[in-house]
Structure formats: C-alpha cells, structure tokens
Amino acid sequence: MKINILGFAAALVLFFYSADAQTLNKPAFDKATTPNLPEGSLAPNFSFKTVDGKEVKLSDYKGKTVILDVWATWCVPCLEEMPKIDSLVKTLKNQNVIMIGVCTADSRVSFNNFMQKNKDRFDCKLVFDPYGKKPTPNSFRTLYGINGFPTTMLIDGSGIIKGYGYMYNDINYLLHEHLKQIKNDK
C-alpha cells in the first residue's frame, strides 16, 4: 500500500511538472550576455531616475557601503526579500549603509504602478532601468551580468563588489561581516 501511494505521488509530480514545462514561454526579457562581475571587481557607475525624476548614481555614494538590489515587479522572491533587506539597511544607516533597488527586465508601467502602491513602504532609493528588457552592450544588466532575480550585492565605500546574495540571510551575513571588517581595520 505504501509503495502504491508513493508511486501515485510520483506520477502526480511528473504529470504536473511536464504540464508546467509544456506551458513555459520564453522570458519576457532578453538575457544579458555576460556573467555576474566577480567579487573584487570595481562596480561600474550607473545613473537612473527615481519615479519622481531624481537622479541616483552609484558614484554619489562613494565612502558608503551600498546594498545594490536588482529586482523586478513580477519576481515573487524579490518582493518578499526587498522589504526585509530595506529594514535591515534602515537599522544600519548610522554606519553609512544605504540601499539602491534597481527594477530591471520589467516595464515602466509596472514599476510606476508598484511605486504608486508602495511609495511610503521603502526607505531605500528605488529606480528603473529603461534598458532592462533588452540590454545593450553598455547597459546596466550587461555591465553587471544580471540574469537571475533577485540579485543583491554588497559594494564597499571604494566601489568594490564584496559579495553577492540572493536572499535576506545572505545579505544580512555579508553586511555584518563587512561592517565587522571595517571596525577591525580602524
């Protein structure tokens, strides 16, 4: 009896998996043609605008630890993790930590709708990448090699990528280790 139940469960999983695989479509965005930048690389500067038209450049935050969160409105893990990371960064403002969230591989309409519904929810800078769906050779997603969502990286005050994380626990660990290192270096 136990084997029959396991066999039935396995058949169900295969049925739903194969049905899912048949309905999968090509992603609604083009893939970047480059891999993620390696840890220790200089993070390329970028310039994006917030929904209210303010320019946000990475170079404006020289000397600060930057959590760069790459997300999309359609990405469920992004929407689950971003508020947690934003709250973490908020508690560390006095240690020169900021967060920039770049919405990419998405539409401006979806970004604007998200921002309208969530304008008071986040403390971080949220910006939109207009080339995210179709990266060009010099666009953000190509320069950073972003294909997976969410992708979150820690960039130190000199602009060096210190590490990547994909979930809150990864970033929490990276950030606290980085801050501990800064304190030890003083």
C-alpha atoms as a PDB file:
ATOM      1  CA  MET A   1       0.000   0.000   0.000  1.00  0.00           C
ATOM      2  CA  LYS A   2       2.829   2.371   0.947  1.00  0.00           C
ATOM      3  CA  ILE A   3       4.556   1.769  -2.428  1.00  0.00           C
ATOM      4  CA  ASN A   4       1.322   2.436  -4.334  1.00  0.00           C
ATOM      5  CA  ILE A   5       0.850   5.785  -2.563  1.00  0.00           C
ATOM      6  CA  LEU A   6       4.454   6.766  -3.290  1.00  0.00           C
ATOM      7  CA  GLY A   7       4.070   5.679  -6.905  1.00  0.00           C
ATOM      8  CA  PHE A   8       0.869   7.677  -7.235  1.00  0.00           C
ATOM      9  CA  ALA A   9       2.518  10.756  -5.683  1.00  0.00           C
ATOM     10  CA  ALA A  10       5.489  10.446  -8.047  1.00  0.00           C
ATOM     11  CA  ALA A  11       3.140  10.150 -11.034  1.00  0.00           C
ATOM     12  CA  LEU A  12       1.285  13.285  -9.945  1.00  0.00           C
ATOM     13  CA  VAL A  13       4.530  15.239  -9.594  1.00  0.00           C
ATOM     14  CA  LEU A  14       5.677  14.123 -13.049  1.00  0.00           C
ATOM     15  CA  PHE A  15       2.285  14.974 -14.558  1.00  0.00           C
ATOM     16  CA  PHE A  16       2.244  18.493 -13.137  1.00  0.00           C
ATOM     17  CA  TYR A  17       5.932  19.042 -13.879  1.00  0.00           C
ATOM     18  CA  SER A  18       5.528  18.006 -17.527  1.00  0.00           C
ATOM     19  CA  ALA A  19       2.334  20.071 -17.865  1.00  0.00           C
ATOM     20  CA  ASP A  20       4.217  23.056 -16.419  1.00  0.00           C
ATOM     21  CA  ALA A  21       7.162  22.501 -18.738  1.00  0.00           C
ATOM     22  CA  GLN A  22       4.844  22.482 -21.758  1.00  0.00           C
ATOM     23  CA  THR A  23       3.316  25.841 -20.820  1.00  0.00           C
ATOM     24  CA  LEU A  24       6.614  27.620 -20.153  1.00  0.00           C
ATOM     25  CA  ASN A  25       7.215  30.503 -22.503  1.00  0.00           C
ATOM     26  CA  LYS A  26      10.348  32.398 -23.415  1.00  0.00           C
ATOM     27  CA  PRO A  27      11.087  35.014 -20.741  1.00  0.00           C
ATOM     28  CA  ALA A  28       9.649  38.448 -21.477  1.00  0.00           C
ATOM     29  CA  PHE A  29      13.174  39.900 -21.365  1.00  0.00           C
ATOM     30  CA  ASP A  30      16.418  39.218 -23.176  1.00  0.00           C
ATOM     31  CA  LYS A  31      19.272  37.658 -21.207  1.00  0.00           C
ATOM     32  CA  ALA A  32      22.431  39.635 -20.545  1.00  0.00           C
ATOM     33  CA  THR A  33      25.347  38.198 -22.476  1.00  0.00           C
ATOM     34  CA  THR A  34      27.830  38.488 -19.604  1.00  0.00           C
ATOM     35  CA  PRO A  35      28.227  36.676 -16.271  1.00  0.00           C
ATOM     36  CA  ASN A  36      27.982  38.428 -12.897  1.00  0.00           C
ATOM     37  CA  LEU A  37      31.004  40.578 -12.139  1.00  0.00           C
ATOM     38  CA  PRO A  38      33.385  38.688  -9.864  1.00  0.00           C
ATOM     39  CA  GLU A  39      33.839  39.676  -6.242  1.00  0.00           C
ATOM     40  CA  GLY A  40      36.713  42.137  -6.020  1.00  0.00           C
ATOM     41  CA  SER A  41      35.691  43.900  -9.248  1.00  0.00           C
ATOM     42  CA  LEU A  42      35.083  47.620  -9.438  1.00  0.00           C
ATOM     43  CA  ALA A  43      31.324  48.163  -9.755  1.00  0.00           C
ATOM     44  CA  PRO A  44      30.564  50.186 -12.897  1.00  0.00           C
ATOM     45  CA  ASN A  45      28.908  53.524 -12.260  1.00  0.00           C
ATOM     46  CA  PHE A  46      25.271  53.878 -13.285  1.00  0.00           C
ATOM     47  CA  SER A  47      22.703  56.624 -13.357  1.00  0.00           C
ATOM     48  CA  PHE A  48      18.948  56.073 -13.084  1.00  0.00           C
ATOM     49  CA  LYS A  49      15.981  58.185 -12.115  1.00  0.00           C
ATOM     50  CA  THR A  50      13.505  57.637  -9.320  1.00  0.00           C
ATOM     51  CA  VAL A  51       9.794  57.749 -10.095  1.00  0.00           C
ATOM     52  CA  ASP A  52       9.791  61.455  -9.123  1.00  0.00           C
ATOM     53  CA  GLY A  53      12.670  62.241 -11.517  1.00  0.00           C
ATOM     54  CA  LYS A  54      15.592  62.457  -9.073  1.00  0.00           C
ATOM     55  CA  GLU A  55      18.861  61.104 -10.432  1.00  0.00           C
ATOM     56  CA  VAL A  56      20.579  58.318  -8.486  1.00  0.00           C
ATOM     57  CA  LYS A  57      24.199  57.480  -9.358  1.00  0.00           C
ATOM     58  CA  LEU A  58      26.353  54.869  -7.692  1.00  0.00           C
ATOM     59  CA  SER A  59      29.231  57.362  -7.606  1.00  0.00           C
ATOM     60  CA  ASP A  60      27.150  59.645  -5.341  1.00  0.00           C
ATOM     61  CA  TYR A  61      27.625  57.099  -2.553  1.00  0.00           C
ATOM     62  CA  LYS A  62      31.420  56.870  -2.550  1.00  0.00           C
ATOM     63  CA  GLY A  63      32.580  56.184   1.003  1.00  0.00           C
ATOM     64  CA  LYS A  64      29.345  54.379   1.909  1.00  0.00           C
ATOM     65  CA  THR A  65      28.508  50.689   1.892  1.00  0.00           C
ATOM     66  CA  VAL A  66      25.905  50.142  -0.828  1.00  0.00           C
ATOM     67  CA  ILE A  67      23.473  47.256  -0.964  1.00  0.00           C
ATOM     68  CA  LEU A  68      22.525  47.054  -4.643  1.00  0.00           C
ATOM     69  CA  ASP A  69      19.325  45.045  -5.025  1.00  0.00           C
ATOM     70  CA  VAL A  70      18.324  44.077  -8.563  1.00  0.00           C
ATOM     71  CA  TRP A  71      14.646  43.189  -8.755  1.00  0.00           C
ATOM     72  CA  ALA A  72      11.501  43.122 -10.894  1.00  0.00           C
ATOM     73  CA  THR A  73       7.833  43.627 -10.071  1.00  0.00           C
ATOM     74  CA  TRP A  74       6.968  40.147 -11.404  1.00  0.00           C
ATOM     75  CA  CYS A  75       9.608  38.424  -9.225  1.00  0.00           C
ATOM     76  CA  VAL A  76       7.915  36.980  -6.126  1.00  0.00           C
ATOM     77  CA  PRO A  77      11.189  36.289  -4.230  1.00  0.00           C
ATOM     78  CA  CYS A  78      12.279  39.882  -4.990  1.00  0.00           C
ATOM     79  CA  LEU A  79       9.095  41.280  -3.486  1.00  0.00           C
ATOM     80  CA  GLU A  80       9.444  39.021  -0.431  1.00  0.00           C
ATOM     81  CA  GLU A  81      13.113  39.799   0.252  1.00  0.00           C
ATOM     82  CA  MET A  82      13.336  43.507  -0.625  1.00  0.00           C
ATOM     83  CA  PRO A  83      11.325  44.780   2.389  1.00  0.00           C
ATOM     84  CA  LYS A  84      13.440  42.659   4.760  1.00  0.00           C
ATOM     85  CA  ILE A  85      16.711  43.959   3.293  1.00  0.00           C
ATOM     86  CA  ASP A  86      15.375  47.527   3.309  1.00  0.00           C
ATOM     87  CA  SER A  87      14.511  47.178   7.025  1.00  0.00           C
ATOM     88  CA  LEU A  88      17.982  45.797   7.764  1.00  0.00           C
ATOM     89  CA  VAL A  89      19.668  48.684   5.952  1.00  0.00           C
ATOM     90  CA  LYS A  90      17.413  51.174   7.752  1.00  0.00           C
ATOM     91  CA  THR A  91      18.762  49.930  11.091  1.00  0.00           C
ATOM     92  CA  LEU A  92      22.344  50.459   9.881  1.00  0.00           C
ATOM     93  CA  LYS A  93      22.070  53.992   8.452  1.00  0.00           C
ATOM     94  CA  ASN A  94      24.314  55.351  11.193  1.00  0.00           C
ATOM     95  CA  GLN A  95      27.044  53.017   9.864  1.00  0.00           C
ATOM     96  CA  ASN A  96      26.989  54.604   6.374  1.00  0.00           C
ATOM     97  CA  VAL A  97      24.943  51.838   4.746  1.00  0.00           C
ATOM     98  CA  ILE A  98      22.439  52.633   2.002  1.00  0.00           C
ATOM     99  CA  MET A  99      20.363  50.558  -0.398  1.00  0.00           C
ATOM    100  CA  ILE A 100      19.573  51.133  -4.059  1.00  0.00           C
ATOM    101  CA  GLY A 101      16.951  48.912  -5.692  1.00  0.00           C
ATOM    102  CA  VAL A 102      17.159  48.722  -9.487  1.00  0.00           C
ATOM    103  CA  CYS A 103      13.989  47.453 -11.153  1.00  0.00           C
ATOM    104  CA  THR A 104      15.058  45.828 -14.415  1.00  0.00           C
ATOM    105  CA  ALA A 105      13.746  43.339 -17.005  1.00  0.00           C
ATOM    106  CA  ASP A 106      10.377  44.984 -16.422  1.00  0.00           C
ATOM    107  CA  SER A 107       8.095  47.637 -17.883  1.00  0.00           C
ATOM    108  CA  ARG A 108       7.983  51.242 -16.774  1.00  0.00           C
ATOM    109  CA  VAL A 109       4.211  50.917 -16.314  1.00  0.00           C
ATOM    110  CA  SER A 110       4.662  48.001 -13.881  1.00  0.00           C
ATOM    111  CA  PHE A 111       7.374  49.915 -11.994  1.00  0.00           C
ATOM    112  CA  ASN A 112       5.242  53.076 -11.759  1.00  0.00           C
ATOM    113  CA  ASN A 113       2.228  51.057 -10.564  1.00  0.00           C
ATOM    114  CA  PHE A 114       4.367  49.327  -7.942  1.00  0.00           C
ATOM    115  CA  MET A 115       5.761  52.653  -6.773  1.00  0.00           C
ATOM    116  CA  GLN A 116       2.301  54.231  -6.575  1.00  0.00           C
ATOM    117  CA  LYS A 117       1.096  51.386  -4.325  1.00  0.00           C
ATOM    118  CA  ASN A 118       4.292  51.256  -2.235  1.00  0.00           C
ATOM    119  CA  LYS A 119       5.598  54.850  -2.207  1.00  0.00           C
ATOM    120  CA  ASP A 120       5.786  55.067   1.587  1.00  0.00           C
ATOM    121  CA  ARG A 121       6.809  51.465   2.240  1.00  0.00           C
ATOM    122  CA  PHE A 122      10.536  51.662   1.436  1.00  0.00           C
ATOM    123  CA  ASP A 123      13.322  53.822   2.780  1.00  0.00           C
ATOM    124  CA  CYS A 124      15.782  52.861   0.013  1.00  0.00           C
ATOM    125  CA  LYS A 125      16.214  54.502  -3.385  1.00  0.00           C
ATOM    126  CA  LEU A 126      14.143  52.610  -5.947  1.00  0.00           C
ATOM    127  CA  VAL A 127      14.979  53.294  -9.594  1.00  0.00           C
ATOM    128  CA  PHE A 128      14.020  51.943 -13.018  1.00  0.00           C
ATOM    129  CA  ASP A 129      16.350  50.552 -15.703  1.00  0.00           C
ATOM    130  CA  PRO A 130      14.828  51.539 -19.070  1.00  0.00           C
ATOM    131  CA  TYR A 131      17.072  49.053 -20.960  1.00  0.00           C
ATOM    132  CA  GLY A 132      16.389  46.135 -18.643  1.00  0.00           C
ATOM    133  CA  LYS A 133      14.166  44.162 -21.014  1.00  0.00           C
ATOM    134  CA  LYS A 134      16.563  44.479 -23.946  1.00  0.00           C
ATOM    135  CA  PRO A 135      20.078  45.026 -22.609  1.00  0.00           C
ATOM    136  CA  THR A 136      22.516  46.858 -24.853  1.00  0.00           C
ATOM    137  CA  PRO A 137      26.312  46.328 -24.723  1.00  0.00           C
ATOM    138  CA  ASN A 138      26.726  49.201 -22.235  1.00  0.00           C
ATOM    139  CA  SER A 139      23.507  48.836 -20.257  1.00  0.00           C
ATOM    140  CA  PHE A 140      23.301  48.073 -16.540  1.00  0.00           C
ATOM    141  CA  ARG A 141      22.297  44.406 -16.879  1.00  0.00           C
ATOM    142  CA  THR A 142      25.078  43.724 -19.378  1.00  0.00           C
ATOM    143  CA  LEU A 143      27.766  45.543 -17.377  1.00  0.00           C
ATOM    144  CA  TYR A 144      26.756  43.745 -14.179  1.00  0.00           C
ATOM    145  CA  GLY A 145      25.836  40.431 -15.873  1.00  0.00           C
ATOM    146  CA  ILE A 146      22.398  40.220 -14.261  1.00  0.00           C
ATOM    147  CA  ASN A 147      20.155  37.341 -15.353  1.00  0.00           C
ATOM    148  CA  GLY A 148      18.801  35.972 -12.081  1.00  0.00           C
ATOM    149  CA  PHE A 149      16.318  37.727  -9.845  1.00  0.00           C
ATOM    150  CA  PRO A 150      16.732  38.799  -7.172  1.00  0.00           C
ATOM    151  CA  THR A 151      20.458  39.513  -7.309  1.00  0.00           C
ATOM    152  CA  THR A 152      21.797  41.590  -4.454  1.00  0.00           C
ATOM    153  CA  MET A 153      25.370  42.693  -3.987  1.00  0.00           C
ATOM    154  CA  LEU A 154      27.394  44.487  -1.375  1.00  0.00           C
ATOM    155  CA  ILE A 155      29.612  47.273  -2.725  1.00  0.00           C
ATOM    156  CA  ASP A 156      32.131  48.842  -0.372  1.00  0.00           C
ATOM    157  CA  GLY A 157      32.941  52.548   0.003  1.00  0.00           C
ATOM    158  CA  SER A 158      35.621  52.280  -2.693  1.00  0.00           C
ATOM    159  CA  GLY A 159      33.169  50.831  -5.219  1.00  0.00           C
ATOM    160  CA  ILE A 160      34.435  47.242  -4.968  1.00  0.00           C
ATOM    161  CA  ILE A 161      31.948  44.359  -5.114  1.00  0.00           C
ATOM    162  CA  LYS A 162      32.473  42.459  -1.864  1.00  0.00           C
ATOM    163  CA  GLY A 163      29.874  39.746  -2.316  1.00  0.00           C
ATOM    164  CA  TYR A 164      26.552  38.563  -3.692  1.00  0.00           C
ATOM    165  CA  GLY A 165      23.441  37.324  -2.002  1.00  0.00           C
ATOM    166  CA  TYR A 166      20.075  36.204  -3.226  1.00  0.00           C
ATOM    167  CA  MET A 167      18.081  36.140  -0.025  1.00  0.00           C
ATOM    168  CA  TYR A 168      17.886  38.216   3.141  1.00  0.00           C
ATOM    169  CA  ASN A 169      20.022  35.811   5.203  1.00  0.00           C
ATOM    170  CA  ASP A 170      22.855  36.021   2.638  1.00  0.00           C
ATOM    171  CA  ILE A 171      22.858  39.819   2.676  1.00  0.00           C
ATOM    172  CA  ASN A 172      22.488  40.030   6.446  1.00  0.00           C
ATOM    173  CA  TYR A 173      25.573  37.842   6.873  1.00  0.00           C
ATOM    174  CA  LEU A 174      27.631  39.656   4.188  1.00  0.00           C
ATOM    175  CA  LEU A 175      26.741  43.056   5.553  1.00  0.00           C
ATOM    176  CA  HIS A 176      27.551  42.254   9.175  1.00  0.00           C
ATOM    177  CA  GLU A 177      30.846  40.591   8.211  1.00  0.00           C
ATOM    178  CA  HIS A 178      31.750  43.636   6.118  1.00  0.00           C
ATOM    179  CA  LEU A 179      30.918  46.063   8.914  1.00  0.00           C
ATOM    180  CA  LYS A 180      32.902  43.938  11.364  1.00  0.00           C
ATOM    181  CA  GLN A 181      35.896  44.101   8.986  1.00  0.00           C
ATOM    182  CA  ILE A 182      35.595  47.901   8.708  1.00  0.00           C
ATOM    183  CA  LYS A 183      35.541  48.168  12.508  1.00  0.00           C
ATOM    184  CA  ASN A 184      38.610  45.878  12.821  1.00  0.00           C
ATOM    185  CA  ASP A 185      40.521  47.893  10.197  1.00  0.00           C
ATOM    186  CA  LYS A 186      40.155  51.138  12.186  1.00  0.00           C
END
